[in-house]
Amino acid sequence: MPGAGGPVSQDWEPVVLRKKAPTAAARRDDKAVNAARRAGADIETVRKHNAGTNKAASSGTSLNTKRLDEDTKNLTHDRVPTELKKAIMQARMGKKLTQAQLAQIINEKPQVIQEYESGKAIPNQQIIGKLERALGAKLPGKK
């Protein structure tokens, strides 16, 4: 811009470029730790429990483990009682419905009806209620 007005001045102040501080990961790097040791800096080492293993924090054994091991009861879910199985089958046959048709009426999968009739299902009061309404029969085992 010569001739544009006053004299052109230049800024001769030094520009200082500094490296960014090392990240946490870089500070833990072997090279950085060894350099700090040579320089005589304080180094804090903390061994983390389960560090470097592929175990979730929640997968450790809990305080109840011993109690569970000592518990000799057979802990199983309740299954559909025999009288409920028979009542569902009789009511379905009385209405001349297949398992698949009944399942469609109560908006459940055919497998659910099959499990109830074979006694493998875990009783669910909502499903038993749906079955009662669809079959028009009072089923035992409804609470």
N, C-alpha and C. Protein backbone atom coordinates (compact mmCIF):
# COMPACT_ATOMS: atom_id res chain seq x y z
N MET A 1 0.83 -1.19 0.00
CA MET A 1 0.00 0.00 0.00
C MET A 1 0.88 1.26 0.00
N PRO A 2 1.93 1.30 -0.76
CA PRO A 2 2.73 2.51 -0.76
C PRO A 2 1.93 3.67 -1.36
N GLY A 3 2.14 4.84 -0.79
CA GLY A 3 1.48 6.04 -1.28
C GLY A 3 0.07 6.18 -0.78
N ALA A 4 -0.35 5.34 0.16
CA ALA A 4 -1.72 5.40 0.62
C ALA A 4 -1.86 6.34 1.81
N GLY A 5 -0.86 6.92 2.22
CA GLY A 5 -0.98 7.80 3.38
C GLY A 5 0.34 7.87 4.09
N GLY A 6 0.34 7.53 5.38
CA GLY A 6 1.52 7.66 6.21
C GLY A 6 2.50 6.53 5.97
N PRO A 7 3.61 6.60 6.70
CA PRO A 7 4.62 5.56 6.52
C PRO A 7 4.12 4.20 7.01
N VAL A 8 4.59 3.15 6.38
CA VAL A 8 4.21 1.80 6.74
C VAL A 8 5.11 1.35 7.88
N SER A 9 4.48 0.93 8.99
CA SER A 9 5.29 0.47 10.11
C SER A 9 5.19 -1.04 10.21
N GLN A 10 6.22 -1.61 10.70
CA GLN A 10 6.22 -3.05 10.88
C GLN A 10 6.30 -3.38 12.36
N ASP A 11 5.60 -4.45 12.74
CA ASP A 11 5.60 -4.88 14.13
C ASP A 11 6.73 -5.88 14.29
N TRP A 12 7.76 -5.51 15.06
CA TRP A 12 8.92 -6.39 15.22
C TRP A 12 8.89 -7.14 16.54
N GLU A 13 7.70 -7.22 17.17
CA GLU A 13 7.59 -7.98 18.41
C GLU A 13 7.73 -9.46 18.11
N PRO A 14 8.47 -10.19 18.94
CA PRO A 14 8.64 -11.62 18.65
C PRO A 14 7.32 -12.39 18.87
N VAL A 15 7.08 -13.33 18.02
CA VAL A 15 5.91 -14.20 18.16
C VAL A 15 6.41 -15.52 18.76
N VAL A 16 5.82 -15.90 19.88
CA VAL A 16 6.25 -17.11 20.56
C VAL A 16 5.20 -18.20 20.32
N LEU A 17 5.64 -19.28 19.73
CA LEU A 17 4.73 -20.41 19.50
C LEU A 17 5.02 -21.46 20.56
N ARG A 18 3.98 -21.87 21.26
CA ARG A 18 4.16 -22.88 22.30
C ARG A 18 3.38 -24.13 21.94
N LYS A 19 3.96 -25.23 22.32
CA LYS A 19 3.25 -26.49 22.12
C LYS A 19 2.10 -26.57 23.10
N LYS A 20 1.07 -27.22 22.68
CA LYS A 20 -0.09 -27.44 23.54
C LYS A 20 0.32 -28.41 24.65
N ALA A 21 -0.28 -28.27 25.82
CA ALA A 21 0.03 -29.17 26.94
C ALA A 21 -0.34 -30.60 26.55
N PRO A 22 0.42 -31.57 27.01
CA PRO A 22 0.11 -32.95 26.62
C PRO A 22 -1.25 -33.39 27.17
N THR A 23 -1.92 -34.23 26.42
CA THR A 23 -3.21 -34.75 26.86
C THR A 23 -2.97 -35.75 27.98
N ALA A 24 -4.04 -36.15 28.63
CA ALA A 24 -3.93 -37.09 29.74
C ALA A 24 -3.31 -38.40 29.28
N ALA A 25 -3.69 -38.85 28.09
CA ALA A 25 -3.15 -40.10 27.57
C ALA A 25 -1.65 -39.96 27.29
N ALA A 26 -1.25 -38.80 26.74
CA ALA A 26 0.16 -38.59 26.42
C ALA A 26 0.99 -38.50 27.70
N ARG A 27 0.41 -37.97 28.77
CA ARG A 27 1.15 -37.86 30.02
C ARG A 27 1.42 -39.24 30.62
N ARG A 28 0.56 -40.21 30.32
CA ARG A 28 0.75 -41.56 30.85
C ARG A 28 1.61 -42.42 29.94
N ASP A 29 1.93 -41.91 28.79
CA ASP A 29 2.75 -42.62 27.81
C ASP A 29 4.10 -42.98 28.44
N ASP A 30 4.66 -44.13 28.10
CA ASP A 30 5.93 -44.60 28.68
C ASP A 30 7.05 -43.58 28.49
N LYS A 31 7.11 -43.02 27.27
CA LYS A 31 8.17 -42.06 26.99
C LYS A 31 8.08 -40.86 27.92
N ALA A 32 6.86 -40.35 28.10
CA ALA A 32 6.66 -39.17 28.94
C ALA A 32 7.00 -39.48 30.39
N VAL A 33 6.59 -40.66 30.86
CA VAL A 33 6.87 -41.04 32.25
C VAL A 33 8.37 -41.17 32.47
N ASN A 34 9.07 -41.81 31.53
CA ASN A 34 10.53 -41.96 31.66
C ASN A 34 11.23 -40.61 31.62
N ALA A 35 10.76 -39.71 30.75
CA ALA A 35 11.37 -38.37 30.68
C ALA A 35 11.16 -37.63 32.00
N ALA A 36 9.97 -37.79 32.60
CA ALA A 36 9.69 -37.13 33.88
C ALA A 36 10.57 -37.72 34.98
N ARG A 37 10.81 -39.03 34.93
CA ARG A 37 11.69 -39.67 35.93
C ARG A 37 13.11 -39.11 35.82
N ARG A 38 13.60 -39.00 34.58
CA ARG A 38 14.94 -38.47 34.38
C ARG A 38 15.05 -37.03 34.86
N ALA A 39 13.95 -36.28 34.68
CA ALA A 39 13.96 -34.87 35.10
C ALA A 39 13.78 -34.74 36.60
N GLY A 40 13.44 -35.85 37.28
CA GLY A 40 13.29 -35.81 38.73
C GLY A 40 11.93 -35.34 39.18
N ALA A 41 10.96 -35.32 38.29
CA ALA A 41 9.62 -34.86 38.65
C ALA A 41 8.91 -35.93 39.48
N ASP A 42 7.91 -35.48 40.26
CA ASP A 42 7.12 -36.42 41.06
C ASP A 42 6.21 -37.21 40.13
N ILE A 43 6.22 -38.52 40.33
CA ILE A 43 5.37 -39.37 39.49
C ILE A 43 4.46 -40.16 40.42
N GLU A 44 3.18 -40.09 40.14
CA GLU A 44 2.21 -40.81 40.94
C GLU A 44 1.71 -42.00 40.12
N THR A 45 1.82 -43.18 40.66
CA THR A 45 1.31 -44.35 39.96
C THR A 45 0.17 -44.94 40.77
N VAL A 46 -0.92 -45.21 40.09
CA VAL A 46 -2.09 -45.77 40.74
C VAL A 46 -2.48 -47.02 39.97
N ARG A 47 -2.55 -48.14 40.67
CA ARG A 47 -2.97 -49.37 40.01
C ARG A 47 -4.47 -49.46 40.14
N LYS A 48 -5.13 -49.53 39.01
CA LYS A 48 -6.58 -49.58 39.04
C LYS A 48 -7.04 -51.02 39.15
N HIS A 49 -8.06 -51.24 39.95
CA HIS A 49 -8.62 -52.58 40.16
C HIS A 49 -9.26 -53.06 38.86
N ASN A 50 -8.92 -54.25 38.42
CA ASN A 50 -9.47 -54.84 37.19
C ASN A 50 -9.10 -54.06 35.94
N ALA A 51 -8.07 -53.25 35.99
CA ALA A 51 -7.69 -52.47 34.81
C ALA A 51 -7.15 -53.41 33.74
N GLY A 52 -7.57 -53.18 32.54
CA GLY A 52 -7.08 -53.96 31.42
C GLY A 52 -7.75 -55.31 31.26
N THR A 53 -8.71 -55.59 32.11
CA THR A 53 -9.45 -56.84 31.93
C THR A 53 -10.74 -56.54 31.18
N ASN A 54 -11.35 -57.55 30.70
CA ASN A 54 -12.56 -57.35 29.91
C ASN A 54 -13.80 -57.63 30.75
N LYS A 55 -13.75 -57.24 32.01
CA LYS A 55 -14.88 -57.50 32.90
C LYS A 55 -15.59 -56.21 33.20
N ALA A 56 -16.89 -56.24 33.13
CA ALA A 56 -17.67 -55.07 33.48
C ALA A 56 -17.62 -54.90 35.00
N ALA A 57 -17.81 -53.68 35.43
CA ALA A 57 -17.78 -53.41 36.87
C ALA A 57 -18.89 -54.17 37.58
N SER A 58 -20.00 -54.38 36.89
CA SER A 58 -21.14 -55.04 37.53
C SER A 58 -21.03 -56.55 37.54
N SER A 59 -20.04 -57.10 36.84
CA SER A 59 -19.97 -58.55 36.74
C SER A 59 -19.25 -59.19 37.93
N GLY A 60 -18.72 -58.38 38.82
CA GLY A 60 -18.05 -58.93 39.99
C GLY A 60 -19.05 -59.64 40.89
N THR A 61 -18.55 -60.49 41.75
CA THR A 61 -19.47 -61.21 42.62
C THR A 61 -20.02 -60.26 43.67
N SER A 62 -21.27 -60.43 43.97
CA SER A 62 -21.91 -59.55 44.94
C SER A 62 -21.86 -60.16 46.33
N LEU A 63 -22.36 -59.43 47.28
CA LEU A 63 -22.36 -59.90 48.65
C LEU A 63 -23.33 -61.05 48.85
N ASN A 64 -24.32 -61.17 47.95
CA ASN A 64 -25.33 -62.21 48.10
C ASN A 64 -24.88 -63.55 47.54
N THR A 65 -23.72 -63.61 46.94
CA THR A 65 -23.27 -64.85 46.30
C THR A 65 -23.20 -65.99 47.29
N LYS A 66 -22.63 -65.73 48.46
CA LYS A 66 -22.49 -66.79 49.46
C LYS A 66 -23.87 -67.26 49.90
N ARG A 67 -24.78 -66.31 50.12
CA ARG A 67 -26.12 -66.67 50.54
C ARG A 67 -26.82 -67.50 49.47
N LEU A 68 -26.60 -67.14 48.19
CA LEU A 68 -27.21 -67.91 47.10
C LEU A 68 -26.63 -69.32 47.03
N ASP A 69 -25.31 -69.42 47.25
CA ASP A 69 -24.67 -70.73 47.22
C ASP A 69 -25.18 -71.62 48.35
N GLU A 70 -25.39 -71.02 49.51
CA GLU A 70 -25.83 -71.80 50.66
C GLU A 70 -27.32 -72.14 50.61
N ASP A 71 -28.06 -71.40 49.82
CA ASP A 71 -29.50 -71.62 49.73
C ASP A 71 -29.75 -72.92 48.97
N THR A 72 -30.37 -73.86 49.63
CA THR A 72 -30.56 -75.17 49.01
C THR A 72 -31.93 -75.34 48.39
N LYS A 73 -32.77 -74.33 48.50
CA LYS A 73 -34.11 -74.43 47.91
C LYS A 73 -33.99 -74.48 46.40
N ASN A 74 -34.94 -75.15 45.78
CA ASN A 74 -34.98 -75.19 44.33
C ASN A 74 -35.76 -73.97 43.86
N LEU A 75 -35.07 -72.99 43.33
CA LEU A 75 -35.72 -71.75 42.93
C LEU A 75 -36.13 -71.84 41.46
N THR A 76 -37.42 -72.06 41.23
CA THR A 76 -37.93 -72.10 39.86
C THR A 76 -39.18 -71.24 39.79
N HIS A 77 -39.52 -70.84 38.58
CA HIS A 77 -40.74 -70.05 38.37
C HIS A 77 -41.95 -70.95 38.50
N ASP A 78 -43.06 -70.34 38.89
CA ASP A 78 -44.31 -71.09 38.91
C ASP A 78 -44.69 -71.43 37.48
N ARG A 79 -45.23 -72.60 37.30
CA ARG A 79 -45.70 -73.02 35.98
C ARG A 79 -47.22 -73.07 36.00
N VAL A 80 -47.81 -73.18 34.82
CA VAL A 80 -49.26 -73.25 34.71
C VAL A 80 -49.76 -74.51 35.40
N PRO A 81 -50.69 -74.37 36.36
CA PRO A 81 -51.21 -75.56 37.02
C PRO A 81 -52.04 -76.44 36.07
N THR A 82 -52.13 -77.72 36.38
CA THR A 82 -52.81 -78.69 35.52
C THR A 82 -54.26 -78.31 35.28
N GLU A 83 -54.96 -77.85 36.34
CA GLU A 83 -56.39 -77.53 36.16
C GLU A 83 -56.58 -76.36 35.20
N LEU A 84 -55.62 -75.40 35.18
CA LEU A 84 -55.71 -74.27 34.25
C LEU A 84 -55.46 -74.75 32.82
N LYS A 85 -54.48 -75.63 32.64
CA LYS A 85 -54.20 -76.19 31.30
C LYS A 85 -55.45 -76.84 30.73
N LYS A 86 -56.07 -77.70 31.54
CA LYS A 86 -57.25 -78.45 31.08
C LYS A 86 -58.41 -77.51 30.80
N ALA A 87 -58.60 -76.50 31.66
CA ALA A 87 -59.71 -75.56 31.48
C ALA A 87 -59.55 -74.77 30.18
N ILE A 88 -58.33 -74.32 29.87
CA ILE A 88 -58.08 -73.58 28.63
C ILE A 88 -58.39 -74.47 27.43
N MET A 89 -57.87 -75.72 27.48
CA MET A 89 -58.08 -76.65 26.36
C MET A 89 -59.57 -76.93 26.14
N GLN A 90 -60.29 -77.22 27.24
CA GLN A 90 -61.71 -77.56 27.12
C GLN A 90 -62.51 -76.38 26.59
N ALA A 91 -62.24 -75.18 27.11
CA ALA A 91 -62.97 -74.00 26.66
C ALA A 91 -62.68 -73.71 25.19
N ARG A 92 -61.42 -73.89 24.77
CA ARG A 92 -61.04 -73.65 23.36
C ARG A 92 -61.71 -74.65 22.45
N MET A 93 -61.71 -75.94 22.86
CA MET A 93 -62.35 -76.99 22.05
C MET A 93 -63.86 -76.75 21.99
N GLY A 94 -64.44 -76.29 23.11
CA GLY A 94 -65.87 -76.01 23.15
C GLY A 94 -66.27 -74.93 22.17
N LYS A 95 -65.39 -73.96 21.93
CA LYS A 95 -65.65 -72.89 20.97
C LYS A 95 -65.18 -73.27 19.57
N LYS A 96 -64.64 -74.49 19.43
CA LYS A 96 -64.13 -74.99 18.15
C LYS A 96 -63.07 -74.05 17.55
N LEU A 97 -62.11 -73.67 18.42
CA LEU A 97 -61.01 -72.81 17.98
C LEU A 97 -59.70 -73.58 17.97
N THR A 98 -58.83 -73.25 17.03
CA THR A 98 -57.48 -73.81 17.07
C THR A 98 -56.64 -72.92 17.99
N GLN A 99 -55.46 -73.40 18.34
CA GLN A 99 -54.57 -72.59 19.18
C GLN A 99 -54.23 -71.28 18.47
N ALA A 100 -53.99 -71.36 17.16
CA ALA A 100 -53.62 -70.18 16.39
C ALA A 100 -54.78 -69.17 16.35
N GLN A 101 -56.01 -69.67 16.20
CA GLN A 101 -57.17 -68.77 16.16
C GLN A 101 -57.36 -68.07 17.51
N LEU A 102 -57.23 -68.84 18.59
CA LEU A 102 -57.37 -68.26 19.92
C LEU A 102 -56.28 -67.21 20.16
N ALA A 103 -55.08 -67.52 19.73
CA ALA A 103 -53.96 -66.58 19.89
C ALA A 103 -54.26 -65.28 19.14
N GLN A 104 -54.83 -65.40 17.95
CA GLN A 104 -55.14 -64.21 17.15
C GLN A 104 -56.22 -63.38 17.85
N ILE A 105 -57.20 -64.06 18.45
CA ILE A 105 -58.29 -63.35 19.13
C ILE A 105 -57.75 -62.54 20.31
N ILE A 106 -56.83 -63.11 21.08
CA ILE A 106 -56.31 -62.39 22.26
C ILE A 106 -55.05 -61.58 21.94
N ASN A 107 -54.69 -61.57 20.64
CA ASN A 107 -53.57 -60.74 20.18
C ASN A 107 -52.24 -61.18 20.79
N GLU A 108 -52.02 -62.47 20.83
CA GLU A 108 -50.76 -63.04 21.29
C GLU A 108 -50.26 -64.02 20.23
N LYS A 109 -49.03 -64.50 20.40
CA LYS A 109 -48.48 -65.47 19.45
C LYS A 109 -49.07 -66.85 19.73
N PRO A 110 -49.23 -67.69 18.70
CA PRO A 110 -49.74 -69.05 18.90
C PRO A 110 -48.88 -69.84 19.90
N GLN A 111 -47.60 -69.52 19.96
CA GLN A 111 -46.68 -70.20 20.87
C GLN A 111 -47.12 -70.00 22.33
N VAL A 112 -47.71 -68.83 22.64
CA VAL A 112 -48.15 -68.54 24.01
C VAL A 112 -49.25 -69.52 24.41
N ILE A 113 -50.23 -69.73 23.52
CA ILE A 113 -51.32 -70.66 23.81
C ILE A 113 -50.76 -72.07 23.97
N GLN A 114 -49.84 -72.42 23.08
CA GLN A 114 -49.23 -73.75 23.13
C GLN A 114 -48.52 -73.97 24.47
N GLU A 115 -47.79 -72.95 24.94
CA GLU A 115 -47.07 -73.07 26.21
C GLU A 115 -48.03 -73.18 27.39
N TYR A 116 -49.15 -72.43 27.33
CA TYR A 116 -50.14 -72.51 28.42
C TYR A 116 -50.77 -73.89 28.47
N GLU A 117 -51.10 -74.43 27.29
CA GLU A 117 -51.77 -75.73 27.26
C GLU A 117 -50.81 -76.88 27.58
N SER A 118 -49.51 -76.68 27.34
CA SER A 118 -48.55 -77.75 27.66
C SER A 118 -48.02 -77.60 29.09
N GLY A 119 -48.32 -76.46 29.73
CA GLY A 119 -47.89 -76.26 31.11
C GLY A 119 -46.50 -75.69 31.24
N LYS A 120 -45.90 -75.22 30.14
CA LYS A 120 -44.55 -74.69 30.19
C LYS A 120 -44.51 -73.19 30.48
N ALA A 121 -45.63 -72.51 30.32
CA ALA A 121 -45.66 -71.06 30.46
C ALA A 121 -45.59 -70.65 31.93
N ILE A 122 -45.08 -69.46 32.14
CA ILE A 122 -45.11 -68.85 33.47
C ILE A 122 -46.41 -68.05 33.50
N PRO A 123 -47.31 -68.35 34.44
CA PRO A 123 -48.63 -67.71 34.41
C PRO A 123 -48.54 -66.18 34.46
N ASN A 124 -49.28 -65.54 33.57
CA ASN A 124 -49.35 -64.09 33.50
C ASN A 124 -50.82 -63.73 33.64
N GLN A 125 -51.14 -62.93 34.66
CA GLN A 125 -52.55 -62.62 34.95
C GLN A 125 -53.23 -61.89 33.80
N GLN A 126 -52.49 -61.06 33.07
CA GLN A 126 -53.08 -60.33 31.93
C GLN A 126 -53.50 -61.31 30.84
N ILE A 127 -52.64 -62.27 30.54
CA ILE A 127 -52.96 -63.25 29.49
C ILE A 127 -54.12 -64.13 29.93
N ILE A 128 -54.12 -64.54 31.21
CA ILE A 128 -55.22 -65.36 31.71
C ILE A 128 -56.53 -64.57 31.60
N GLY A 129 -56.48 -63.29 31.91
CA GLY A 129 -57.67 -62.43 31.77
C GLY A 129 -58.14 -62.36 30.33
N LYS A 130 -57.21 -62.20 29.39
CA LYS A 130 -57.57 -62.17 27.96
C LYS A 130 -58.21 -63.48 27.55
N LEU A 131 -57.62 -64.61 28.02
CA LEU A 131 -58.17 -65.93 27.68
C LEU A 131 -59.59 -66.07 28.23
N GLU A 132 -59.83 -65.61 29.46
CA GLU A 132 -61.17 -65.70 30.05
C GLU A 132 -62.18 -64.94 29.22
N ARG A 133 -61.80 -63.72 28.79
CA ARG A 133 -62.73 -62.91 27.99
C ARG A 133 -62.98 -63.55 26.63
N ALA A 134 -61.92 -64.04 25.99
CA ALA A 134 -62.05 -64.61 24.64
C ALA A 134 -62.84 -65.92 24.68
N LEU A 135 -62.64 -66.72 25.72
CA LEU A 135 -63.29 -68.03 25.79
C LEU A 135 -64.64 -67.96 26.50
N GLY A 136 -64.89 -66.85 27.19
CA GLY A 136 -66.15 -66.72 27.92
C GLY A 136 -66.25 -67.72 29.06
N ALA A 137 -65.14 -68.06 29.67
CA ALA A 137 -65.15 -69.05 30.75
C ALA A 137 -64.30 -68.54 31.89
N LYS A 138 -64.66 -68.94 33.10
CA LYS A 138 -63.85 -68.61 34.28
C LYS A 138 -62.74 -69.63 34.40
N LEU A 139 -61.51 -69.14 34.40
CA LEU A 139 -60.36 -70.06 34.46
C LEU A 139 -59.79 -70.08 35.87
N PRO A 140 -59.45 -71.29 36.37
CA PRO A 140 -58.83 -71.37 37.69
C PRO A 140 -57.42 -70.79 37.63
N GLY A 141 -56.96 -70.25 38.75
CA GLY A 141 -55.61 -69.71 38.79
C GLY A 141 -55.58 -68.21 38.55
N LYS A 142 -56.73 -67.59 38.27
CA LYS A 142 -56.78 -66.14 38.10
C LYS A 142 -56.85 -65.51 39.47
N LYS A 143 -55.99 -64.51 39.70
CA LYS A 143 -55.98 -63.87 41.02
C LYS A 143 -56.85 -62.62 40.98
